[in-house]
Amino acid sequence: MHTGGERVLLVTDQNPQTQLFVDYMTQQITRPVSIVSPWEYIDSSNDQATVILLDADHVNEATMQEWHNQVVDTTACQLTAFNLKDEDHATDLLTFLHLRGVFYRNDPLDLICKGIESLFEGSLWMSRSLMTRMIEFFRKQQLNSYRPACGLTQREMEILCLLGSGSSNGEIAERLFVSEHTVKSHLYNIFKKIDVHNRIQAVNWARQNLGAPPPLAALRNQKIDSRRIQGKST
């Protein structure tokens, strides 16, 4: 028996196919199901029990991370990913998102509804093999935290972290109070040390070897704090 305050939000683009999916889910789980635009972030202060389905076909990783930042501090929202290609895709997302459940593109509708019911009951919805892979990933991440990563300096690690959070060269330069030329020089050295050729490969390397970048909101707060400290010292 569920409470009247529970709801499901499907974060995707509005189209006839998604509306049919919403109509089916509403009948099966007997809770309100709404379609929300990927950029229509919700008020995380609302304590209404909510399962959020991020449609991987219409929500990119940067927007997924923004949703994560919006709800990470609330227990009322259960963040999940929907329409994932396979377990490899799920593993990649779980390295930087705190997902409570994952749903694959080929999952039957009745299984998706069952998973949503399980999430409302407070359980995780993901396979044992996926959880095993994540345990191994974080075990590797813990081991890596106790040894240097391919000779990277602390500044290079900071730049990799900001790179993984989607920052441009200009934003990295502003955050670290250096020139864009200096950032480009650091990126050249980073690429050479970890044997990659572009930013995407560098971010993927960092996720596999250093773990997830901190949430964007945390980086923004650090930036504000740094400016306050600088202002006090002048």
Protein backbone atom coordinates (compact mmCIF):
# COMPACT_ATOMS: atom_id res chain seq x y z
CA MET A 1 0.00 0.00 0.00
CA HIS A 2 1.61 3.26 -1.09
CA THR A 3 1.06 6.76 0.24
CA GLY A 4 -0.71 9.44 -1.75
CA GLY A 5 2.37 11.67 -1.84
CA GLU A 6 4.48 9.42 -4.04
CA ARG A 7 5.17 10.31 -7.67
CA VAL A 8 7.36 9.45 -10.67
CA LEU A 9 9.13 12.00 -12.86
CA LEU A 10 10.31 10.94 -16.32
CA VAL A 11 13.04 13.36 -17.41
CA THR A 12 12.94 13.31 -21.20
CA ASP A 13 11.62 15.09 -24.28
CA GLN A 14 7.87 15.15 -24.79
CA ASN A 15 6.66 12.99 -27.70
CA PRO A 16 3.80 10.55 -28.43
CA GLN A 17 5.89 7.49 -27.52
CA THR A 18 6.86 8.79 -24.08
CA GLN A 19 3.26 9.81 -23.41
CA LEU A 20 2.11 6.23 -24.12
CA PHE A 21 4.79 4.97 -21.73
CA VAL A 22 3.62 7.41 -19.04
CA ASP A 23 -0.03 6.39 -19.50
CA TYR A 24 0.90 2.70 -19.11
CA MET A 25 3.00 3.32 -15.96
CA THR A 26 0.30 5.46 -14.37
CA GLN A 27 -2.17 2.59 -14.70
CA GLN A 28 0.26 -0.06 -13.45
CA ILE A 29 1.80 1.67 -10.43
CA THR A 30 -1.27 3.83 -9.57
CA ARG A 31 0.85 6.90 -8.86
CA PRO A 32 1.06 10.15 -10.80
CA VAL A 33 3.72 10.00 -13.54
CA SER A 34 4.83 13.26 -15.16
CA ILE A 35 7.15 14.13 -18.04
CA VAL A 36 9.72 16.79 -17.15
CA SER A 37 12.08 18.57 -19.53
CA PRO A 38 15.79 17.73 -18.94
CA TRP A 39 16.40 21.39 -17.99
CA GLU A 40 13.33 21.78 -15.78
CA TYR A 41 15.02 21.06 -12.46
CA ILE A 42 12.78 20.36 -9.47
CA ASP A 43 12.71 21.93 -6.03
CA SER A 44 14.80 19.54 -3.94
CA SER A 45 13.42 21.02 -0.70
CA ASN A 46 10.10 19.30 -1.42
CA ASP A 47 9.89 16.19 0.78
CA GLN A 48 7.52 14.34 -1.58
CA ALA A 49 8.71 10.78 -2.27
CA THR A 50 9.85 10.85 -5.90
CA VAL A 51 11.44 8.38 -8.30
CA ILE A 52 13.28 10.29 -11.04
CA LEU A 53 13.90 8.46 -14.32
CA LEU A 54 16.66 10.12 -16.38
CA ASP A 55 16.15 9.07 -20.00
CA ALA A 56 19.65 8.38 -21.37
CA ASP A 57 18.34 8.80 -24.92
CA HIS A 58 17.50 12.46 -24.28
CA VAL A 59 19.57 13.54 -21.25
CA ASN A 60 23.34 13.94 -21.68
CA GLU A 61 25.83 13.20 -18.92
CA ALA A 62 26.40 16.85 -17.99
CA THR A 63 22.66 17.37 -17.47
CA MET A 64 22.45 14.10 -15.52
CA GLN A 65 25.11 15.45 -13.18
CA GLU A 66 23.14 18.67 -12.71
CA TRP A 67 20.09 16.60 -11.70
CA HIS A 68 22.34 14.64 -9.36
CA ASN A 69 23.54 17.89 -7.77
CA GLN A 70 19.94 19.03 -7.31
CA VAL A 71 18.78 15.98 -5.35
CA VAL A 72 21.94 14.45 -3.82
CA ASP A 73 21.24 15.90 -0.37
CA THR A 74 17.61 14.79 -0.13
CA THR A 75 16.37 11.34 0.86
CA ALA A 76 12.96 11.91 -0.71
CA CYS A 77 14.24 11.58 -4.30
CA GLN A 78 15.40 8.30 -5.80
CA LEU A 79 17.58 9.06 -8.85
CA THR A 80 17.60 6.41 -11.57
CA ALA A 81 18.77 6.08 -15.18
CA PHE A 82 16.45 4.81 -17.89
CA ASN A 83 17.02 3.47 -21.44
CA LEU A 84 20.61 2.40 -20.79
CA LYS A 85 22.30 0.40 -23.54
CA ASP A 86 23.89 -2.30 -21.38
CA GLU A 87 25.71 -2.99 -18.13
CA ASP A 88 28.85 -1.23 -19.37
CA HIS A 89 26.78 1.91 -19.87
CA ALA A 90 25.34 1.57 -16.36
CA THR A 91 28.80 1.06 -14.84
CA ASP A 92 30.09 4.21 -16.52
CA LEU A 93 27.22 6.33 -15.16
CA LEU A 94 27.56 4.88 -11.66
CA THR A 95 31.15 6.12 -11.44
CA PHE A 96 29.90 9.70 -11.14
CA LEU A 97 26.17 9.50 -10.30
CA HIS A 98 24.55 8.21 -7.11
CA LEU A 99 21.88 6.13 -8.81
CA ARG A 100 19.41 4.03 -6.85
CA GLY A 101 18.33 2.05 -9.88
CA VAL A 102 19.06 1.39 -13.55
CA PHE A 103 16.69 0.37 -16.33
CA TYR A 104 17.89 -0.94 -19.68
CA ARG A 105 16.54 -0.19 -23.13
CA ASN A 106 15.31 -3.77 -23.59
CA ASP A 107 13.64 -4.11 -20.17
CA PRO A 108 9.95 -5.09 -20.49
CA LEU A 109 7.46 -2.54 -19.19
CA ASP A 110 6.21 -4.77 -16.39
CA LEU A 111 9.78 -5.19 -15.08
CA ILE A 112 10.27 -1.41 -15.08
CA CYS A 113 7.08 -0.99 -13.06
CA LYS A 114 8.26 -3.67 -10.64
CA GLY A 115 11.56 -1.84 -10.24
CA ILE A 116 9.80 1.44 -9.49
CA GLU A 117 7.69 -0.27 -6.81
CA SER A 118 10.89 -1.66 -5.29
CA LEU A 119 12.50 1.80 -5.25
CA PHE A 120 9.51 3.26 -3.39
CA GLU A 121 9.97 0.51 -0.82
CA GLY A 122 13.53 1.71 -0.23
CA SER A 123 15.46 -0.95 -2.15
CA LEU A 124 18.08 -0.59 -4.85
CA TRP A 125 17.17 -1.75 -8.36
CA MET A 126 20.22 -3.14 -10.12
CA SER A 127 21.64 -6.56 -10.85
CA ARG A 128 24.05 -8.40 -8.56
CA SER A 129 26.65 -8.48 -11.34
CA LEU A 130 26.46 -4.69 -11.69
CA MET A 131 26.85 -4.17 -7.95
CA THR A 132 29.84 -6.54 -7.97
CA ARG A 133 31.46 -4.48 -10.73
CA MET A 134 30.93 -1.29 -8.75
CA ILE A 135 32.41 -2.81 -5.60
CA GLU A 136 35.51 -3.75 -7.61
CA PHE A 137 35.64 -0.26 -9.13
CA PHE A 138 35.57 1.52 -5.77
CA ARG A 139 38.05 -0.97 -4.31
CA LYS A 140 40.43 -0.08 -7.14
CA GLN A 141 39.73 3.60 -6.57
CA GLN A 142 40.60 3.20 -2.87
CA LEU A 143 43.89 1.51 -3.72
CA ASN A 144 44.75 4.23 -6.23
CA SER A 145 44.21 6.91 -3.60
CA TYR A 146 47.26 5.60 -1.74
CA ARG A 147 49.74 5.88 -4.62
CA PRO A 148 50.72 8.50 -7.21
CA ALA A 149 48.70 8.35 -10.45
CA CYS A 150 51.14 8.10 -13.38
CA GLY A 151 53.33 10.85 -12.00
CA LEU A 152 50.59 13.49 -12.12
CA THR A 153 51.20 16.57 -9.99
CA GLN A 154 48.62 17.96 -7.59
CA ARG A 155 47.82 20.80 -10.03
CA GLU A 156 47.41 18.31 -12.89
CA MET A 157 45.04 16.27 -10.69
CA GLU A 158 43.01 19.42 -10.01
CA ILE A 159 42.78 20.16 -13.73
CA LEU A 160 41.70 16.58 -14.47
CA CYS A 161 39.02 16.93 -11.79
CA LEU A 162 37.70 20.15 -13.33
CA LEU A 163 37.91 18.63 -16.80
CA GLY A 164 35.70 15.77 -15.64
CA SER A 165 33.14 18.26 -14.33
CA GLY A 166 32.72 19.72 -17.81
CA SER A 167 34.75 22.90 -17.34
CA SER A 168 36.23 24.68 -20.36
CA ASN A 169 39.85 25.85 -20.46
CA GLY A 170 38.69 29.37 -19.60
CA GLU A 171 36.66 28.16 -16.62
CA ILE A 172 39.57 26.05 -15.37
CA ALA A 173 41.90 29.06 -15.69
CA GLU A 174 39.46 31.23 -13.71
CA ARG A 175 38.97 28.58 -11.02
CA LEU A 176 42.73 28.08 -10.52
CA PHE A 177 43.72 31.74 -11.05
CA VAL A 178 46.07 30.94 -13.95
CA SER A 179 46.14 31.82 -17.66
CA GLU A 180 44.49 29.72 -20.36
CA HIS A 181 47.96 29.19 -21.84
CA THR A 182 49.04 27.60 -18.55
CA VAL A 183 45.98 25.34 -18.59
CA LYS A 184 46.78 24.23 -22.14
CA SER A 185 50.35 23.43 -21.11
CA HIS A 186 49.12 21.36 -18.17
CA LEU A 187 46.65 19.50 -20.43
CA TYR A 188 49.47 18.68 -22.87
CA ASN A 189 51.53 17.20 -20.02
CA ILE A 190 48.52 15.31 -18.63
CA PHE A 191 47.69 13.76 -22.01
CA LYS A 192 51.30 12.67 -22.42
CA LYS A 193 51.57 11.14 -18.94
CA ILE A 194 48.36 9.11 -19.13
CA ASP A 195 48.74 8.31 -22.85
CA VAL A 196 45.53 9.84 -24.19
CA HIS A 197 44.86 12.15 -27.13
CA ASN A 198 41.88 14.31 -26.17
CA ARG A 199 39.71 15.60 -23.33
CA ILE A 200 37.10 12.83 -23.57
CA GLN A 201 39.77 10.12 -23.29
CA ALA A 202 41.32 11.97 -20.34
CA VAL A 203 37.96 12.16 -18.52
CA ASN A 204 37.33 8.45 -19.12
CA TRP A 205 40.82 7.62 -17.83
CA ALA A 206 40.20 9.70 -14.71
CA ARG A 207 36.89 7.98 -14.01
CA GLN A 208 38.48 4.56 -14.25
CA ASN A 209 41.61 5.39 -12.25
CA LEU A 210 40.78 8.28 -9.93
CA GLY A 211 37.04 7.96 -9.37
CA ALA A 212 34.27 10.46 -9.97
CA PRO A 213 34.83 14.22 -10.11
CA PRO A 214 33.21 16.19 -7.28
CA PRO A 215 29.74 17.61 -7.96
CA LEU A 216 29.68 20.89 -9.88
CA ALA A 217 27.92 22.59 -6.99
CA ALA A 218 30.80 21.69 -4.66
CA LEU A 219 33.30 23.18 -7.09
CA ARG A 220 31.26 26.38 -7.30
CA ASN A 221 31.18 26.63 -3.51
CA GLN A 222 34.95 26.10 -3.34
CA LYS A 223 35.39 28.88 -5.89
CA ILE A 224 33.26 31.26 -3.83
CA ASP A 225 35.14 30.37 -0.64
CA SER A 226 38.50 30.96 -2.35
CA ARG A 227 37.40 34.42 -3.46
CA ARG A 228 36.22 35.26 0.05
CA ILE A 229 39.57 34.20 1.51
CA GLN A 230 41.43 36.20 -1.12
CA GLY A 231 39.29 39.23 -0.35
CA LYS A 232 40.02 38.99 3.39
CA SER A 233 43.77 38.76 2.81
CA THR A 234 43.93 41.93 0.67
